[in-house]
C-alpha atoms as a PDB file:
ATOM      1  CA  MET A   1      66.696  91.668  19.878  1.00  0.00           C
ATOM      2  CA  GLY A   2      63.267  91.398  18.297  1.00  0.00           C
ATOM      3  CA  VAL A   3      62.427  89.375  15.258  1.00  0.00           C
ATOM      4  CA  THR A   4      62.562  91.319  12.004  1.00  0.00           C
ATOM      5  CA  LYS A   5      60.478  90.597   8.965  1.00  0.00           C
ATOM      6  CA  SER A   6      62.865  92.067   6.424  1.00  0.00           C
ATOM      7  CA  ASP A   7      62.609  88.894   4.351  1.00  0.00           C
ATOM      8  CA  GLU A   8      58.979  89.863   3.678  1.00  0.00           C
ATOM      9  CA  PHE A   9      60.124  92.905   1.658  1.00  0.00           C
ATOM     10  CA  ASN A  10      61.909  93.062  -1.678  1.00  0.00           C
ATOM     11  CA  ALA A  11      65.658  93.566  -2.047  1.00  0.00           C
ATOM     12  CA  ARG A  12      65.361  97.209  -3.112  1.00  0.00           C
ATOM     13  CA  GLN A  13      63.244  98.068  -0.077  1.00  0.00           C
ATOM     14  CA  ASN A  14      65.697  96.354   2.249  1.00  0.00           C
ATOM     15  CA  LYS A  15      68.711  98.058   0.670  1.00  0.00           C
ATOM     16  CA  THR A  16      67.049 101.471   0.870  1.00  0.00           C
ATOM     17  CA  ALA A  17      66.190 100.874   4.532  1.00  0.00           C
ATOM     18  CA  GLU A  18      69.818  99.888   5.211  1.00  0.00           C
ATOM     19  CA  LEU A  19      71.024 103.181   3.736  1.00  0.00           C
ATOM     20  CA  PHE A  20      68.667 105.222   5.881  1.00  0.00           C
ATOM     21  CA  LYS A  21      69.504 103.177   8.976  1.00  0.00           C
ATOM     22  CA  ALA A  22      73.212 103.824   8.417  1.00  0.00           C
ATOM     23  CA  LEU A  23      72.475 107.549   8.188  1.00  0.00           C
ATOM     24  CA  GLY A  24      70.355 107.391  11.345  1.00  0.00           C
ATOM     25  CA  HIS A  25      73.163 108.585  13.615  1.00  0.00           C
ATOM     26  CA  PRO A  26      74.375 112.197  13.697  1.00  0.00           C
ATOM     27  CA  ALA A  27      78.037 111.137  13.703  1.00  0.00           C
ATOM     28  CA  ARG A  28      77.523 109.282  10.429  1.00  0.00           C
ATOM     29  CA  VAL A  29      75.735 112.268   8.924  1.00  0.00           C
ATOM     30  CA  ALA A  30      78.679 114.433  10.030  1.00  0.00           C
ATOM     31  CA  ILE A  31      81.124 111.988   8.415  1.00  0.00           C
ATOM     32  CA  MET A  32      79.196 112.078   5.131  1.00  0.00           C
ATOM     33  CA  GLU A  33      79.060 115.899   5.219  1.00  0.00           C
ATOM     34  CA  PHE A  34      82.797 116.047   5.871  1.00  0.00           C
ATOM     35  CA  LEU A  35      83.538 113.699   2.961  1.00  0.00           C
ATOM     36  CA  MET A  36      81.252 115.723   0.670  1.00  0.00           C
ATOM     37  CA  LYS A  37      83.025 118.924   1.675  1.00  0.00           C
ATOM     38  CA  LYS A  38      86.488 117.462   1.020  1.00  0.00           C
ATOM     39  CA  GLN A  39      85.493 115.866  -2.326  1.00  0.00           C
ATOM     40  CA  SER A  40      88.464 113.513  -2.105  1.00  0.00           C
ATOM     41  CA  CYS A  41      89.739 110.555  -0.149  1.00  0.00           C
ATOM     42  CA  VAL A  42      90.303 111.425   3.490  1.00  0.00           C
ATOM     43  CA  CYS A  43      92.571 109.517   5.844  1.00  0.00           C
ATOM     44  CA  GLY A  44      93.129 110.709   9.412  1.00  0.00           C
ATOM     45  CA  ASP A  45      91.264 114.012   9.203  1.00  0.00           C
ATOM     46  CA  ILE A  46      87.877 112.515  10.088  1.00  0.00           C
ATOM     47  CA  VAL A  47      88.846 111.841  13.711  1.00  0.00           C
ATOM     48  CA  ASP A  48      90.045 115.447  14.068  1.00  0.00           C
ATOM     49  CA  GLU A  49      86.673 116.758  12.863  1.00  0.00           C
ATOM     50  CA  LEU A  50      84.413 114.845  15.263  1.00  0.00           C
ATOM     51  CA  PRO A  51      84.074 115.099  19.053  1.00  0.00           C
ATOM     52  CA  LEU A  52      84.486 111.331  19.337  1.00  0.00           C
ATOM     53  CA  ALA A  53      87.247 108.888  20.146  1.00  0.00           C
ATOM     54  CA  GLN A  54      89.136 107.287  17.262  1.00  0.00           C
ATOM     55  CA  ALA A  55      87.629 103.866  18.030  1.00  0.00           C
ATOM     56  CA  THR A  56      84.101 105.290  17.920  1.00  0.00           C
ATOM     57  CA  VAL A  57      84.758 107.040  14.623  1.00  0.00           C
ATOM     58  CA  SER A  58      86.093 103.753  13.258  1.00  0.00           C
ATOM     59  CA  GLN A  59      82.848 101.991  14.206  1.00  0.00           C
ATOM     60  CA  HIS A  60      80.798 104.641  12.421  1.00  0.00           C
ATOM     61  CA  LEU A  61      83.040 104.418   9.345  1.00  0.00           C
ATOM     62  CA  LYS A  62      82.595 100.637   9.397  1.00  0.00           C
ATOM     63  CA  ALA A  63      78.787 100.994   9.466  1.00  0.00           C
ATOM     64  CA  LEU A  64      78.842 103.392   6.499  1.00  0.00           C
ATOM     65  CA  LYS A  65      81.231 101.152   4.601  1.00  0.00           C
ATOM     66  CA  GLU A  66      79.156  97.996   5.246  1.00  0.00           C
ATOM     67  CA  VAL A  67      76.134  99.505   3.472  1.00  0.00           C
ATOM     68  CA  GLY A  68      78.312 100.891   0.696  1.00  0.00           C
ATOM     69  CA  LEU A  69      77.861 104.609   1.311  1.00  0.00           C
ATOM     70  CA  ILE A  70      81.625 105.028   1.569  1.00  0.00           C
ATOM     71  CA  LYS A  71      84.634 103.212   0.173  1.00  0.00           C
ATOM     72  CA  GLY A  72      88.012 102.769   1.765  1.00  0.00           C
ATOM     73  CA  SER A  73      91.389 102.230   0.198  1.00  0.00           C
ATOM     74  CA  ILE A  74      94.614 101.424   1.981  1.00  0.00           C
ATOM     75  CA  GLU A  75      97.411 103.947   1.543  1.00  0.00           C
ATOM     76  CA  GLY A  76     100.468 102.967   3.524  1.00  0.00           C
ATOM     77  CA  THR A  77      99.417 102.418   7.142  1.00  0.00           C
ATOM     78  CA  SER A  78      96.107 104.281   6.893  1.00  0.00           C
ATOM     79  CA  VAL A  79      92.757 103.772   5.229  1.00  0.00           C
ATOM     80  CA  CYS A  80      91.462 106.634   3.102  1.00  0.00           C
ATOM     81  CA  TYR A  81      87.709 107.080   2.730  1.00  0.00           C
ATOM     82  CA  CYS A  82      85.489 108.647   0.092  1.00  0.00           C
ATOM     83  CA  ILE A  83      81.812 108.554  -0.823  1.00  0.00           C
ATOM     84  CA  ASP A  84      80.641 105.703  -3.047  1.00  0.00           C
ATOM     85  CA  GLU A  85      78.678 107.588  -5.686  1.00  0.00           C
ATOM     86  CA  LYS A  86      76.825 104.496  -6.936  1.00  0.00           C
ATOM     87  CA  ARG A  87      75.092 103.917  -3.589  1.00  0.00           C
ATOM     88  CA  LEU A  88      74.518 107.634  -3.185  1.00  0.00           C
ATOM     89  CA  HIS A  89      72.661 107.663  -6.520  1.00  0.00           C
ATOM     90  CA  GLU A  90      70.396 104.862  -5.262  1.00  0.00           C
ATOM     91  CA  LEU A  91      69.516 107.005  -2.272  1.00  0.00           C
ATOM     92  CA  ASP A  92      69.022 110.009  -4.538  1.00  0.00           C
ATOM     93  CA  LYS A  93      66.582 108.078  -6.761  1.00  0.00           C
ATOM     94  CA  PHE A  94      64.427 107.185  -3.753  1.00  0.00           C
ATOM     95  CA  ILE A  95      64.424 110.724  -2.346  1.00  0.00           C
ATOM     96  CA  THR A  96      63.690 112.163  -5.804  1.00  0.00           C
ATOM     97  CA  ALA A  97      60.702 109.813  -6.126  1.00  0.00           C
ATOM     98  CA  LEU A  98      59.423 111.042  -2.747  1.00  0.00           C
ATOM     99  CA  LEU A  99      59.839 114.666  -3.787  1.00  0.00           C
ATOM    100  CA  ASP A 100      58.144 114.022  -7.136  1.00  0.00           C
ATOM    101  CA  TYR A 101      55.224 112.429  -5.322  1.00  0.00           C
ATOM    102  CA  SER A 102      54.904 115.316  -2.885  1.00  0.00           C
ATOM    103  CA  SER A 103      54.972 117.867  -5.704  1.00  0.00           C
ATOM    104  CA  GLU A 104      52.007 116.150  -7.360  1.00  0.00           C
ATOM    105  CA  LYS A 105      49.916 116.735  -4.215  1.00  0.00           C
ATOM    106  CA  LYS A 106      48.008 113.471  -4.467  1.00  0.00           C
ATOM    107  CA  CYS A 107      47.291 113.377  -0.753  1.00  0.00           C
ATOM    108  CA  CYS A 108      45.087 115.312   1.628  1.00  0.00           C
END
């Protein structure tokens, strides 16, 4: 793997990039959409919704959880997932800033 220069950027920039990287796979986008639609903690239903094996879904859930986009809580023998609103608000602030910039039409 190539050398990264992430240490040359500030913490906010690195965290924002991590969020976008985690959302850079269609399965993870589908998981987030499913969790938004359910608006509650979801246990085994995620695997039923995606055309992927359970182990693959677990890897995608792990990636989303590592960056904090989702949270998981143990209920009996299963882990239930929901969206972590705090991290989602960080993403929202960045996207809102981009939209505000584009609405000002400062560029060619």
